[in-house]
Protein backbone atom coordinates (compact mmCIF):
# COMPACT_ATOMS: atom_id res chain seq x y z
CA MET A 1 41.21 103.78 24.10
CA ALA A 2 40.67 104.00 27.88
CA ILE A 3 39.01 100.96 29.42
CA TYR A 4 36.23 103.03 31.01
CA LYS A 5 35.18 104.15 27.53
CA LEU A 6 34.59 100.51 26.53
CA ILE A 7 32.12 99.85 29.36
CA PRO A 8 29.07 101.40 27.60
CA LEU A 9 29.94 99.53 24.39
CA CYS A 10 30.26 96.24 26.26
CA PHE A 11 26.94 96.81 27.99
CA ILE A 12 25.22 97.50 24.67
CA LEU A 13 26.80 94.40 23.13
CA PHE A 14 25.77 92.22 26.07
CA SER A 15 22.19 93.52 25.97
CA SER A 16 21.99 92.81 22.26
CA ILE A 17 23.23 89.25 22.74
CA VAL A 18 20.67 88.62 25.52
CA SER A 19 17.84 90.04 23.37
CA TRP A 20 18.87 87.84 20.45
CA ALA A 21 19.18 84.78 22.69
CA LYS A 22 15.68 85.21 24.07
CA THR A 23 14.23 84.79 20.59
CA VAL A 24 16.31 81.89 19.31
CA LEU A 25 17.63 79.69 22.12
CA PRO A 26 15.54 76.50 22.38
CA GLU A 27 16.52 75.48 25.88
CA PRO A 28 16.11 77.36 29.19
CA ILE A 29 19.13 78.68 31.01
CA PHE A 30 17.47 80.13 34.09
CA ALA A 31 15.44 78.46 36.82
CA LEU A 32 12.02 79.85 37.66
CA LYS A 33 10.92 79.78 41.30
CA ASP A 34 8.04 82.24 41.27
CA THR A 35 5.94 83.56 38.42
CA ALA A 36 4.99 86.99 39.65
CA ASN A 37 6.80 88.15 36.52
CA PRO A 38 7.15 86.50 33.09
CA VAL A 39 10.26 84.38 32.64
CA TRP A 40 11.06 83.52 29.05
CA ALA A 41 13.32 80.64 30.02
CA ALA A 42 10.60 78.57 31.75
CA ARG A 43 10.05 75.15 30.21
CA GLY A 44 6.77 74.31 31.87
CA MET A 45 4.26 75.84 34.25
CA VAL A 46 1.31 75.00 36.47
CA ALA A 47 -1.25 77.25 38.12
CA ALA A 48 -3.31 75.54 40.83
CA PRO A 49 -5.46 76.57 43.80
CA GLU A 50 -3.30 74.86 46.42
CA PRO A 51 0.52 75.05 46.72
CA LEU A 52 1.30 71.42 47.63
CA ALA A 53 -0.64 70.11 44.64
CA ALA A 54 0.96 72.72 42.37
CA LYS A 55 4.45 71.58 43.46
CA ILE A 56 3.53 67.97 42.74
CA GLY A 57 2.44 68.91 39.23
CA LEU A 58 5.62 70.90 38.65
CA ASN A 59 7.77 67.97 39.81
CA ILE A 60 6.05 65.71 37.29
CA LEU A 61 6.97 68.18 34.52
CA LYS A 62 10.55 68.28 35.78
CA LYS A 63 10.73 64.48 35.60
CA GLY A 64 9.76 64.56 31.94
CA GLY A 65 6.04 64.06 32.24
CA ASN A 66 3.78 65.93 29.86
CA ALA A 67 0.91 68.32 30.68
CA VAL A 68 -1.58 65.45 31.02
CA ASP A 69 0.68 63.59 33.45
CA ALA A 70 1.01 66.72 35.58
CA ALA A 71 -2.75 67.35 35.46
CA VAL A 72 -3.55 63.82 36.62
CA ALA A 73 -1.07 64.10 39.51
CA ILE A 74 -2.56 67.47 40.52
CA GLY A 75 -6.09 66.08 40.31
CA TYR A 76 -5.31 63.29 42.78
CA ALA A 77 -3.27 65.55 45.04
CA LEU A 78 -6.08 68.10 45.36
CA ALA A 79 -8.35 65.30 46.61
CA VAL A 80 -6.01 65.23 49.62
CA THR A 81 -4.99 68.86 50.10
CA HIS A 82 -8.07 70.75 48.85
CA PRO A 83 -10.98 68.51 49.91
CA ARG A 84 -13.70 71.14 49.65
CA ALA A 85 -13.49 70.79 45.84
CA GLY A 86 -10.59 68.51 44.88
CA ASN A 87 -12.06 65.06 44.74
CA LEU A 88 -12.40 61.40 43.89
CA GLY A 89 -16.16 61.41 44.48
CA GLY A 90 -17.14 64.15 42.05
CA GLY A 91 -16.62 64.89 38.37
CA GLY A 92 -15.63 67.52 35.85
CA PHE A 93 -14.17 68.41 32.49
CA MET A 94 -10.67 68.30 31.02
CA LEU A 95 -9.56 70.17 27.91
CA ILE A 96 -6.29 68.93 26.36
CA TYR A 97 -4.20 70.43 23.57
CA LEU A 98 -1.53 68.29 21.88
CA ARG A 99 0.90 70.60 20.12
CA ARG A 100 2.56 68.05 17.81
CA THR A 101 -0.69 66.81 16.26
CA LYS A 102 -2.51 70.15 16.73
CA LYS A 103 -5.37 68.25 18.31
CA MET A 104 -7.80 69.63 20.91
CA ILE A 105 -9.58 67.05 23.08
CA ALA A 106 -12.49 67.47 25.50
CA ILE A 107 -12.99 64.77 28.14
CA ASP A 108 -16.37 64.85 29.88
CA TYR A 109 -16.22 63.05 33.22
CA ARG A 110 -19.30 64.72 34.65
CA GLU A 111 -21.40 62.71 37.10
CA THR A 112 -24.57 60.91 35.99
CA ALA A 113 -27.92 60.37 37.66
CA PRO A 114 -28.45 56.80 38.94
CA GLN A 115 -30.60 54.46 36.87
CA ALA A 116 -33.38 54.37 39.51
CA THR A 117 -33.67 58.17 39.60
CA LYS A 118 -37.21 59.56 39.35
CA VAL A 119 -38.41 63.15 39.64
CA LYS A 120 -40.99 62.20 42.28
CA LEU A 121 -38.19 61.15 44.67
CA TYR A 122 -37.29 64.84 45.04
CA LEU A 123 -40.83 66.20 45.54
CA ASP A 124 -43.03 66.39 48.62
CA GLU A 125 -46.71 65.44 48.80
CA ASN A 126 -47.58 68.81 47.22
CA LYS A 127 -45.18 68.12 44.33
CA LYS A 128 -42.77 70.82 45.47
CA PRO A 129 -38.98 70.20 45.38
CA VAL A 130 -37.42 69.25 48.71
CA ALA A 131 -34.08 71.09 48.77
CA ASP A 132 -32.33 68.73 51.19
CA ARG A 133 -32.87 65.75 48.90
CA THR A 134 -30.76 67.33 46.16
CA ARG A 135 -28.16 68.72 48.54
CA TYR A 136 -27.56 66.81 51.81
CA HIS A 137 -28.98 63.36 51.21
CA GLY A 138 -28.15 60.03 49.61
CA LEU A 139 -30.41 61.07 46.71
CA ALA A 140 -28.18 64.10 46.05
CA ILE A 141 -25.24 62.00 44.89
CA GLY A 142 -24.48 61.51 41.22
CA VAL A 143 -22.35 58.61 39.95
CA PRO A 144 -18.77 59.96 40.34
CA GLY A 145 -16.63 60.47 37.25
CA THR A 146 -13.29 61.86 38.44
CA VAL A 147 -11.32 58.61 38.69
CA MET A 148 -12.54 57.43 35.28
CA GLY A 149 -11.80 60.82 33.70
CA LEU A 150 -8.27 61.14 35.08
CA GLU A 151 -7.41 57.57 34.13
CA GLN A 152 -8.81 57.93 30.61
CA ALA A 153 -6.73 61.06 30.08
CA ARG A 154 -3.60 59.32 31.39
CA VAL A 155 -4.02 56.17 29.31
CA LYS A 156 -4.78 57.97 26.06
CA TYR A 157 -2.59 61.06 26.30
CA GLY A 158 -0.18 60.72 29.23
CA THR A 159 3.29 59.20 29.27
CA MET A 160 3.82 58.02 32.87
CA LYS A 161 2.66 55.11 35.00
CA ARG A 162 -0.37 55.57 37.21
CA MET A 163 1.52 54.62 40.38
CA ASP A 164 4.21 57.23 39.73
CA LEU A 165 1.59 59.95 39.31
CA MET A 166 -0.35 58.95 42.44
CA LYS A 167 2.53 58.30 44.86
CA PRO A 168 2.78 61.96 45.96
CA ALA A 169 -0.94 62.12 46.81
CA ILE A 170 -0.77 58.78 48.66
CA ARG A 171 2.25 60.00 50.64
CA LEU A 172 0.46 63.22 51.66
CA ALA A 173 -2.62 61.32 52.80
CA GLN A 174 -0.65 58.60 54.62
CA LYS A 175 2.04 60.67 56.34
CA GLY A 176 0.00 63.83 56.63
CA PHE A 177 0.78 67.47 56.09
CA ARG A 178 0.44 70.65 58.09
CA LEU A 179 -2.80 72.51 57.53
CA SER A 180 -2.73 75.89 55.90
CA TYR A 181 -4.91 78.66 57.25
CA ALA A 182 -7.20 78.30 54.19
CA LEU A 183 -7.76 74.57 54.70
CA SER A 184 -8.29 74.95 58.43
CA GLN A 185 -10.81 77.69 57.79
CA SER A 186 -12.73 75.65 55.21
CA LEU A 187 -12.93 72.65 57.57
CA ASN A 188 -14.21 74.85 60.37
CA GLN A 189 -16.82 76.49 58.14
CA ALA A 190 -18.24 73.08 57.25
CA ALA A 191 -18.16 71.76 60.83
CA THR A 192 -21.92 72.09 61.34
CA ARG A 193 -22.60 69.99 58.25
CA PHE A 194 -20.06 67.37 59.32
CA LYS A 195 -21.97 66.89 62.57
CA ARG A 196 -24.89 65.48 60.56
CA PHE A 197 -22.74 62.66 59.23
CA PRO A 198 -20.54 60.66 61.66
CA GLN A 199 -18.08 59.51 58.99
CA ALA A 200 -17.45 63.08 57.85
CA LYS A 201 -16.94 64.14 61.46
CA HIS A 202 -14.48 61.24 61.86
CA VAL A 203 -12.44 62.34 58.83
CA PHE A 204 -12.52 66.10 59.15
CA THR A 205 -12.29 66.74 62.88
CA LYS A 206 -10.03 65.51 65.67
CA LYS A 207 -10.91 62.47 67.76
CA ASN A 208 -12.30 64.75 70.46
CA GLY A 209 -14.51 66.49 67.90
CA GLN A 210 -12.48 69.69 67.98
CA PRO A 211 -11.54 71.38 64.68
CA TYR A 212 -8.05 71.22 63.24
CA ARG A 213 -6.01 74.40 63.61
CA PRO A 214 -3.50 75.91 61.17
CA LYS A 215 -0.07 74.19 61.19
CA GLU A 216 -1.43 71.06 62.85
CA LYS A 217 -0.66 67.82 61.02
CA TRP A 218 -3.59 66.10 59.34
CA ARG A 219 -3.45 62.46 58.24
CA GLN A 220 -6.10 60.72 56.09
CA LYS A 221 -5.22 57.03 56.33
CA GLU A 222 -8.50 55.76 54.88
CA LEU A 223 -8.13 58.05 51.86
CA ALA A 224 -4.52 56.87 51.50
CA GLN A 225 -5.77 53.27 51.32
CA SER A 226 -8.33 54.21 48.67
CA LEU A 227 -5.72 56.03 46.60
CA SER A 228 -3.35 53.06 46.93
CA GLN A 229 -6.02 50.69 45.64
CA ILE A 230 -6.71 52.94 42.66
CA ALA A 231 -2.99 53.28 41.97
CA GLN A 232 -2.61 49.50 41.97
CA TYR A 233 -5.82 48.38 40.23
CA GLY A 234 -7.01 51.45 38.32
CA THR A 235 -10.68 52.21 37.71
CA ARG A 236 -11.68 48.65 38.69
CA ALA A 237 -10.90 49.46 42.32
CA PHE A 238 -13.21 52.45 42.37
CA TYR A 239 -16.06 51.30 40.12
CA ARG A 240 -16.18 47.54 40.79
CA GLY A 241 -14.07 46.75 43.86
CA SER A 242 -14.26 47.28 47.59
CA ILE A 243 -14.40 51.07 47.23
CA ALA A 244 -17.51 50.76 45.05
CA LYS A 245 -19.22 48.56 47.65
CA LYS A 246 -18.49 51.05 50.43
CA ILE A 247 -19.82 53.94 48.35
CA ILE A 248 -23.09 52.13 47.69
CA GLN A 249 -23.48 51.09 51.34
CA THR A 250 -23.18 54.74 52.39
CA VAL A 251 -25.51 56.02 49.66
CA GLU A 252 -28.17 53.44 50.59
CA LYS A 253 -27.78 54.19 54.30
CA TYR A 254 -28.74 57.79 53.63
CA GLY A 255 -31.68 57.10 51.35
CA GLY A 256 -30.05 57.09 47.92
CA VAL A 257 -30.84 54.81 44.98
CA MET A 258 -27.40 54.43 43.37
CA THR A 259 -26.34 50.81 42.76
CA LEU A 260 -23.17 48.85 42.04
CA GLU A 261 -24.43 48.55 38.46
CA ASP A 262 -24.52 52.35 38.16
CA LEU A 263 -20.85 52.53 39.13
CA ALA A 264 -19.84 49.62 36.90
CA GLN A 265 -21.55 51.15 33.87
CA TYR A 266 -20.13 54.67 34.25
CA LYS A 267 -18.09 55.98 31.31
CA ALA A 268 -16.19 59.19 30.66
CA VAL A 269 -16.97 60.61 27.21
CA GLN A 270 -14.61 62.24 24.74
CA ARG A 271 -16.42 65.08 22.97
CA GLU A 272 -15.72 67.67 20.29
CA PRO A 273 -14.67 70.98 21.90
CA VAL A 274 -16.62 74.16 21.24
CA GLN A 275 -14.58 76.53 19.08
CA GLY A 276 -14.85 80.25 18.47
CA HIS A 277 -12.69 83.09 17.20
CA TYR A 278 -11.99 86.38 18.95
CA ASP A 279 -9.56 89.00 17.65
CA VAL A 280 -6.73 86.88 16.18
CA TYR A 281 -7.20 83.98 18.60
CA ASP A 282 -8.98 80.65 18.38
CA ILE A 283 -10.92 79.98 21.58
CA PHE A 284 -11.64 76.39 22.63
CA ALA A 285 -13.80 75.33 25.57
CA MET A 286 -15.99 72.51 26.85
CA PRO A 287 -19.16 71.47 24.99
CA PRO A 288 -22.42 70.37 26.67
CA PRO A 289 -23.24 69.14 29.22
CA SER A 290 -21.09 72.13 30.11
CA SER A 291 -22.86 75.33 29.16
CA GLY A 292 -19.55 77.15 29.57
CA GLY A 293 -18.05 76.75 26.12
CA VAL A 294 -21.24 77.53 24.21
CA HIS A 295 -21.98 80.73 26.08
CA LEU A 296 -18.38 81.87 26.34
CA VAL A 297 -18.18 81.81 22.54
CA GLN A 298 -21.66 83.34 22.23
CA LEU A 299 -20.66 86.23 24.49
CA LEU A 300 -17.38 86.83 22.65
CA ASN A 301 -19.26 86.80 19.31
CA THR A 302 -21.65 89.42 20.68
CA LEU A 303 -19.12 91.69 22.38
CA GLN A 304 -16.75 91.89 19.41
CA HIS A 305 -19.29 94.25 17.81
CA PHE A 306 -18.67 96.92 20.46
CA PRO A 307 -15.57 99.14 20.92
CA LEU A 308 -14.77 97.82 24.40
CA ALA A 309 -11.10 98.78 24.14
CA ASP A 310 -12.02 102.39 23.36
CA TRP A 311 -14.61 102.53 26.12
CA GLY A 312 -12.07 101.17 28.60
CA HIS A 313 -11.81 98.37 31.13
CA ASN A 314 -14.64 98.23 33.70
CA THR A 315 -16.13 101.55 32.64
CA ALA A 316 -19.89 101.85 33.05
CA GLN A 317 -20.42 101.68 29.29
CA THR A 318 -18.35 98.51 28.91
CA LEU A 319 -20.00 96.79 31.87
CA HIS A 320 -23.47 97.81 30.71
CA VAL A 321 -23.03 96.15 27.32
CA MET A 322 -21.43 93.08 28.92
CA ALA A 323 -24.38 92.72 31.30
CA GLU A 324 -26.90 92.97 28.47
CA ALA A 325 -25.02 90.30 26.49
CA MET A 326 -24.94 88.07 29.57
CA LYS A 327 -28.72 88.32 29.94
CA TYR A 328 -29.22 86.92 26.45
CA ALA A 329 -26.70 84.12 27.04
CA TYR A 330 -28.22 82.95 30.34
CA ALA A 331 -31.75 83.17 28.94
CA ASP A 332 -30.68 80.83 26.15
CA ARG A 333 -28.92 78.60 28.68
CA SER A 334 -32.15 78.10 30.62
CA TYR A 335 -33.97 76.78 27.55
CA TYR A 336 -31.49 75.03 25.26
CA LEU A 337 -28.66 73.56 27.32
CA GLY A 338 -28.56 70.03 28.70
CA ASP A 339 -26.90 66.65 28.26
CA PRO A 340 -26.35 66.20 24.48
CA ASP A 341 -26.89 62.45 24.87
CA PHE A 342 -30.51 63.21 25.83
CA VAL A 343 -31.45 66.48 24.13
CA GLN A 344 -30.46 68.19 20.90
CA VAL A 345 -28.45 71.27 21.81
CA PRO A 346 -28.16 73.81 18.94
CA ILE A 347 -24.44 74.37 19.49
CA ARG A 348 -23.70 75.52 15.95
CA GLN A 349 -26.48 78.11 15.98
CA LEU A 350 -25.73 79.45 19.46
CA THR A 351 -22.02 79.83 18.68
CA HIS A 352 -22.42 81.16 15.14
CA PRO A 353 -20.96 84.67 14.56
CA LYS A 354 -24.25 85.71 12.92
CA TYR A 355 -26.10 85.03 16.16
CA GLY A 356 -23.62 87.19 18.05
CA ARG A 357 -24.27 90.00 15.60
CA TYR A 358 -28.03 89.41 15.92
CA ILE A 359 -27.84 89.86 19.71
CA ALA A 360 -25.51 92.87 19.44
CA LYS A 361 -28.03 94.73 17.26
CA ARG A 362 -30.69 94.28 19.94
CA ILE A 363 -28.64 95.69 22.80
CA ASN A 364 -29.56 99.23 23.77
CA THR A 365 -26.21 100.87 24.58
CA LYS A 366 -27.86 103.55 26.72
CA ARG A 367 -30.43 101.71 28.78
CA ALA A 368 -30.79 98.34 30.53
CA GLN A 369 -33.50 96.06 29.21
CA PRO A 370 -35.48 94.37 32.02
CA SER A 371 -34.85 90.63 32.14
CA ILE A 372 -38.58 89.98 32.42
CA LYS A 373 -38.93 91.20 28.84
CA MET A 374 -36.20 88.89 27.63
CA SER A 375 -36.83 85.24 26.88
CA PRO A 376 -34.79 82.50 25.25
CA ASN A 377 -34.52 83.36 21.55
CA ARG A 378 -36.50 80.90 19.47
CA SER A 379 -36.95 82.85 16.25
CA PHE A 380 -33.28 82.98 15.24
CA ILE A 381 -32.55 79.43 16.35
CA LYS A 382 -34.77 76.85 15.09
CA GLU A 383 -22.98 75.13 37.82
CA SER A 384 -20.55 75.72 42.27
CA ASP A 385 -18.61 78.34 44.05
CA GLN A 386 -16.65 75.38 45.41
CA THR A 387 -15.50 73.97 42.13
CA THR A 388 -11.74 74.10 41.49
CA HIS A 389 -9.55 74.64 38.46
CA PHE A 390 -5.93 74.12 37.46
CA SER A 391 -3.93 74.90 34.31
CA VAL A 392 -0.76 73.29 32.90
CA ILE A 393 1.61 73.95 29.99
CA ASP A 394 4.59 71.65 29.36
CA LYS A 395 7.92 72.14 27.59
CA ASP A 396 6.53 70.86 24.27
CA GLY A 397 3.63 73.30 24.16
CA ASN A 398 0.97 70.79 25.24
CA ALA A 399 -1.65 72.17 27.59
CA VAL A 400 -4.39 71.04 29.98
CA SER A 401 -7.22 73.11 31.38
CA ASN A 402 -9.16 71.16 34.01
CA THR A 403 -12.16 72.08 36.13
CA TYR A 404 -13.75 69.57 38.52
CA THR A 405 -16.08 69.74 41.47
CA LEU A 406 -18.18 68.20 44.22
CA ASN A 407 -20.74 70.99 43.62
CA PHE A 408 -21.07 72.51 47.12
CA SER A 409 -18.05 72.94 49.35
CA PHE A 410 -17.42 69.35 50.54
CA GLY A 411 -20.29 68.21 48.29
CA SER A 412 -23.15 66.50 50.08
CA GLY A 413 -21.11 66.27 53.29
CA LEU A 414 -21.32 62.48 53.09
CA VAL A 415 -18.12 60.45 53.22
CA ALA A 416 -18.20 56.85 51.98
CA GLU A 417 -17.49 54.91 55.18
CA GLY A 418 -14.00 53.48 55.41
CA THR A 419 -12.74 55.24 52.26
CA GLY A 420 -12.12 58.88 53.17
CA ILE A 421 -13.88 59.81 49.90
CA ILE A 422 -16.28 62.76 49.97
CA LEU A 423 -19.37 62.31 47.80
CA ASN A 424 -20.84 64.99 45.56
CA ASN A 425 -24.31 66.58 45.51
CA GLU A 426 -24.47 67.19 41.77
CA ILE A 427 -28.15 66.26 41.49
CA ASP A 428 -28.84 69.87 42.55
CA ASP A 429 -27.52 70.95 39.15
CA PHE A 430 -30.49 69.32 37.43
CA SER A 431 -33.79 71.06 36.86
CA ILE A 432 -36.06 69.19 39.27
CA LYS A 433 -39.08 71.30 38.38
CA LYS A 434 -39.49 73.83 35.57
CA GLY A 435 -39.01 77.42 36.70
CA VAL A 436 -37.57 76.49 40.12
CA ALA A 437 -34.03 77.80 40.67
CA ASN A 438 -31.22 75.65 42.03
CA ALA A 439 -28.86 76.63 44.85
CA TYR A 440 -27.04 79.08 42.55
CA GLY A 441 -30.24 80.81 41.42
CA LEU A 442 -30.06 79.23 37.95
CA ILE A 443 -33.39 78.43 36.35
CA GLY A 444 -33.55 75.35 34.16
CA GLY A 445 -36.05 73.92 31.72
CA LYS A 446 -36.94 70.65 30.10
CA ALA A 447 -33.50 70.24 28.46
CA ASN A 448 -31.88 69.89 31.91
CA GLN A 449 -34.66 67.94 33.59
CA ILE A 450 -33.41 65.05 35.71
CA ALA A 451 -33.47 61.58 34.13
CA PRO A 452 -31.68 58.24 34.68
CA LYS A 453 -28.06 58.16 33.47
CA LYS A 454 -28.28 61.82 32.43
CA ARG A 455 -25.49 64.29 33.16
CA PRO A 456 -26.52 67.55 34.87
CA LEU A 457 -25.83 70.85 33.13
CA SER A 458 -22.72 72.64 34.34
CA SER A 459 -21.18 76.10 34.12
CA MET A 460 -17.61 74.80 34.28
CA THR A 461 -15.57 76.50 31.56
CA PRO A 462 -11.98 75.29 31.19
CA PHE A 463 -10.65 77.10 28.12
CA ILE A 464 -7.56 77.22 25.91
CA ALA A 465 -6.81 80.04 23.46
CA LEU A 466 -4.47 79.41 20.52
CA HIS A 467 -2.62 81.73 18.20
CA GLN A 468 -1.49 80.11 14.96
CA ASP A 469 -1.75 76.64 16.53
CA ASN A 470 0.37 77.64 19.54
CA VAL A 471 -1.02 77.88 23.06
CA PHE A 472 -1.61 81.48 24.13
CA LEU A 473 -3.89 81.25 27.19
CA VAL A 474 -4.90 78.38 29.45
CA GLY A 475 -7.39 79.17 32.16
CA GLY A 476 -10.52 78.60 34.15
CA THR A 477 -12.09 79.20 37.54
CA PRO A 478 -14.60 77.94 40.10
CA GLY A 479 -17.57 80.14 40.91
CA GLY A 480 -20.86 78.34 40.23
CA SER A 481 -23.05 80.25 37.80
CA ARG A 482 -20.37 82.97 37.64
CA ILE A 483 -17.75 80.71 36.06
CA ILE A 484 -18.71 81.60 32.48
CA THR A 485 -18.66 85.35 33.07
CA THR A 486 -15.41 85.21 35.01
CA CYS A 487 -13.71 83.30 32.17
CA LEU A 488 -15.13 85.83 29.71
CA GLN A 489 -13.55 88.67 31.70
CA LEU A 490 -10.18 86.89 31.88
CA ILE A 491 -10.11 86.65 28.08
CA LEU A 492 -11.29 90.22 27.54
CA ASN A 493 -8.82 91.56 30.09
CA VAL A 494 -5.86 89.97 28.29
CA ILE A 495 -6.88 90.26 24.64
CA THR A 496 -9.00 93.42 24.52
CA HIS A 497 -7.63 95.42 27.42
CA LYS A 498 -3.99 94.27 26.97
CA MET A 499 -3.46 93.19 30.56
CA ASN A 500 -0.82 90.74 31.69
CA PRO A 501 -2.14 87.61 33.46
CA ALA A 502 -1.59 89.01 36.95
CA GLU A 503 -3.57 92.15 36.11
CA ALA A 504 -6.25 90.13 34.33
CA VAL A 505 -6.76 87.82 37.30
CA GLN A 506 -6.76 90.56 39.94
CA ALA A 507 -9.18 92.96 38.19
CA PRO A 508 -12.64 93.52 39.78
CA ARG A 509 -15.38 91.27 38.37
CA MET A 510 -19.08 91.50 37.59
CA HIS A 511 -21.81 89.03 36.70
CA HIS A 512 -25.37 88.91 35.34
CA GLN A 513 -27.30 85.68 34.80
CA TRP A 514 -30.65 86.96 33.43
CA GLN A 515 -32.58 85.90 36.54
CA PRO A 516 -32.49 87.48 39.08
CA ASP A 517 -32.26 90.79 37.20
CA LYS A 518 -29.21 92.15 39.03
CA ILE A 519 -25.61 92.94 38.21
CA GLN A 520 -23.42 91.38 40.86
CA VAL A 521 -20.19 93.36 41.35
CA GLU A 522 -17.23 92.89 43.62
CA GLN A 523 -16.69 95.43 46.37
CA SER A 524 -13.56 96.76 44.68
CA LEU A 525 -15.45 98.07 41.66
CA SER A 526 -15.57 101.88 41.64
CA GLN A 527 -18.66 103.39 43.27
CA ASP A 528 -18.71 106.02 40.53
CA THR A 529 -19.07 103.22 38.00
CA THR A 530 -21.87 101.50 39.90
CA ALA A 531 -23.67 104.86 40.18
CA LEU A 532 -23.53 105.27 36.38
CA LEU A 533 -24.82 101.72 35.90
CA ASP A 534 -27.69 102.53 38.25
CA ARG A 535 -28.61 105.51 36.05
CA LYS A 536 -28.76 103.16 33.06
CA GLY A 537 -31.44 101.16 34.85
CA HIS A 538 -29.40 98.33 36.35
CA ILE A 539 -29.95 96.95 39.84
CA ILE A 540 -26.55 96.61 41.54
CA GLN A 541 -25.72 93.95 44.10
CA VAL A 542 -22.33 94.44 45.75
CA GLN A 543 -20.79 91.25 47.09
CA GLY A 544 -17.54 89.53 47.98
CA ALA A 545 -14.97 87.82 45.79
CA MET A 546 -15.98 85.92 42.65
CA GLY A 547 -13.93 82.93 41.53
CA ASP A 548 -10.41 81.61 42.03
CA ALA A 549 -8.91 81.78 38.54
CA GLN A 550 -5.76 79.95 37.45
CA LEU A 551 -4.31 81.49 34.28
CA ILE A 552 -1.16 80.85 32.22
CA MET A 553 -0.11 82.89 29.20
CA LYS A 554 2.51 81.86 26.66
CA ASN A 555 3.91 84.34 24.15
CA ARG A 556 7.19 85.22 22.49
CA ASN A 557 8.52 86.40 25.86
CA GLY A 558 7.85 83.05 27.49
CA LEU A 559 5.45 81.76 30.15
CA TRP A 560 3.56 83.92 32.63
CA GLY A 561 1.36 82.35 35.29
CA ALA A 562 -1.10 83.95 37.69
CA SER A 563 -3.04 82.38 40.55
CA ASP A 564 -6.01 84.36 41.80
CA PRO A 565 -5.28 86.48 44.90
CA ARG A 566 -8.87 85.76 45.95
CA GLY A 567 -7.68 82.25 46.81
CA TYR A 568 -4.57 80.63 48.23
CA GLY A 569 -3.11 79.04 45.10
CA VAL A 570 0.18 79.50 43.29
CA SER A 571 1.66 79.46 39.80
CA LEU A 572 4.99 77.69 39.46
CA GLY A 573 7.40 77.13 36.60
CA TYR A 574 10.84 75.69 36.00
């Protein structure tokens, strides 16, 4: 037989061998440099909002660290490279899945109100809330939880030494790095706020007061010293040592009531994750004081009763029903959700499939119901745009979904003198007065009323979806009150509308939070669709980008990561 006649047969044979190998070979044989496309050979993957931090996390995986090790390293690195939201002086939530033991863990390292906190501190002589006191003031600062949360995760579920995980962040802060356009822009946008606080101006602007420009080198020697102390002495350095004293000195200087005792008594809490089921997937997310998990599951339970796949992605009919379901969820949020250590949150009832069906039956598929006629359901049942999220999957199938924040971009704007540590303004996430909205327009009630040692309600929604005990999706996003609805759309886009992660992350988004009674839509949503929604009785508010999602999918074809094009992050695998 002529050789040229064997070429097609050889090609077919080779293709068959490759197809077989993809399903059975346990070890990777290709290197992954970019995850714009799925690569079945990847062993581990990270998706993070800032490239330098993402590379640090990936290197930890390459060195044999697990998903928790990589997450801790990323968390510290973002405090250096993404200071508007990455932090040591804030708090957040970490969701961990351990593949070998099939265990899902939720670590709550949300900030707490100081012991001396009183409602009257935030009211004027007419008993009206003073916005600045919950936003740009010493009283705005909650007891930080990030260092305690990261260290608790590392000690209990990590495999590497603290110093090894923190060295990359220390090196970046000490030796400096060249500013990206995104970081330079964020520093310049906050310049007016920095002028109010000399220490912030010292850290975030040049010696002559001029802003840093892209590609200029930025060193943070005080932050490097703080990180070095934490690396050497652990949580003691932050909560009891010299860092703690400097934090309290700054808080007191600007009128706050936090004490050294508040810092010394802070604890991160391990909680039971919220669990739901959608299609053939088990959905896990954070429990209260995050409202994210409860209402994500509630929304999925409601929407599974409608043929969204048949109606199509982002059609007027699909978005109408989603908006109506969101109204019910955010109405319930305003009444029921708060710190479970202080109030009884009816998690089981709110996340029960029967309640989803109950809501679905009350949705008019043809006409919008005015929010003013909707109230938290009491007959059936007896959070910031400048948050940040990262996702990790390791070679053993362990996963971490982590969302943490300072609340506003650069938090309160206060920097603890001599530490380089930005302090949060999470007190604004409490309900200071019933019926008064916070900075994100969210209305709270008694359940989220401020109290000593209480954790403020949050919208942060790190989630992990499993299929037959194997990780399928790991994701989350910043976005304030829009976090829950963005995470909902990520899940629906992949599972219901059969999108790959890149498509799911890029797709136009919408949001409704009960009050105000408006559907917020991104500019890229079709005008024909918004016109149809208008005819159904919705008020449409067109706005800019929502969120900065970091999503990883794992299936029989391998790992596929996507970092939101609305931000400047990256997904990396090896």
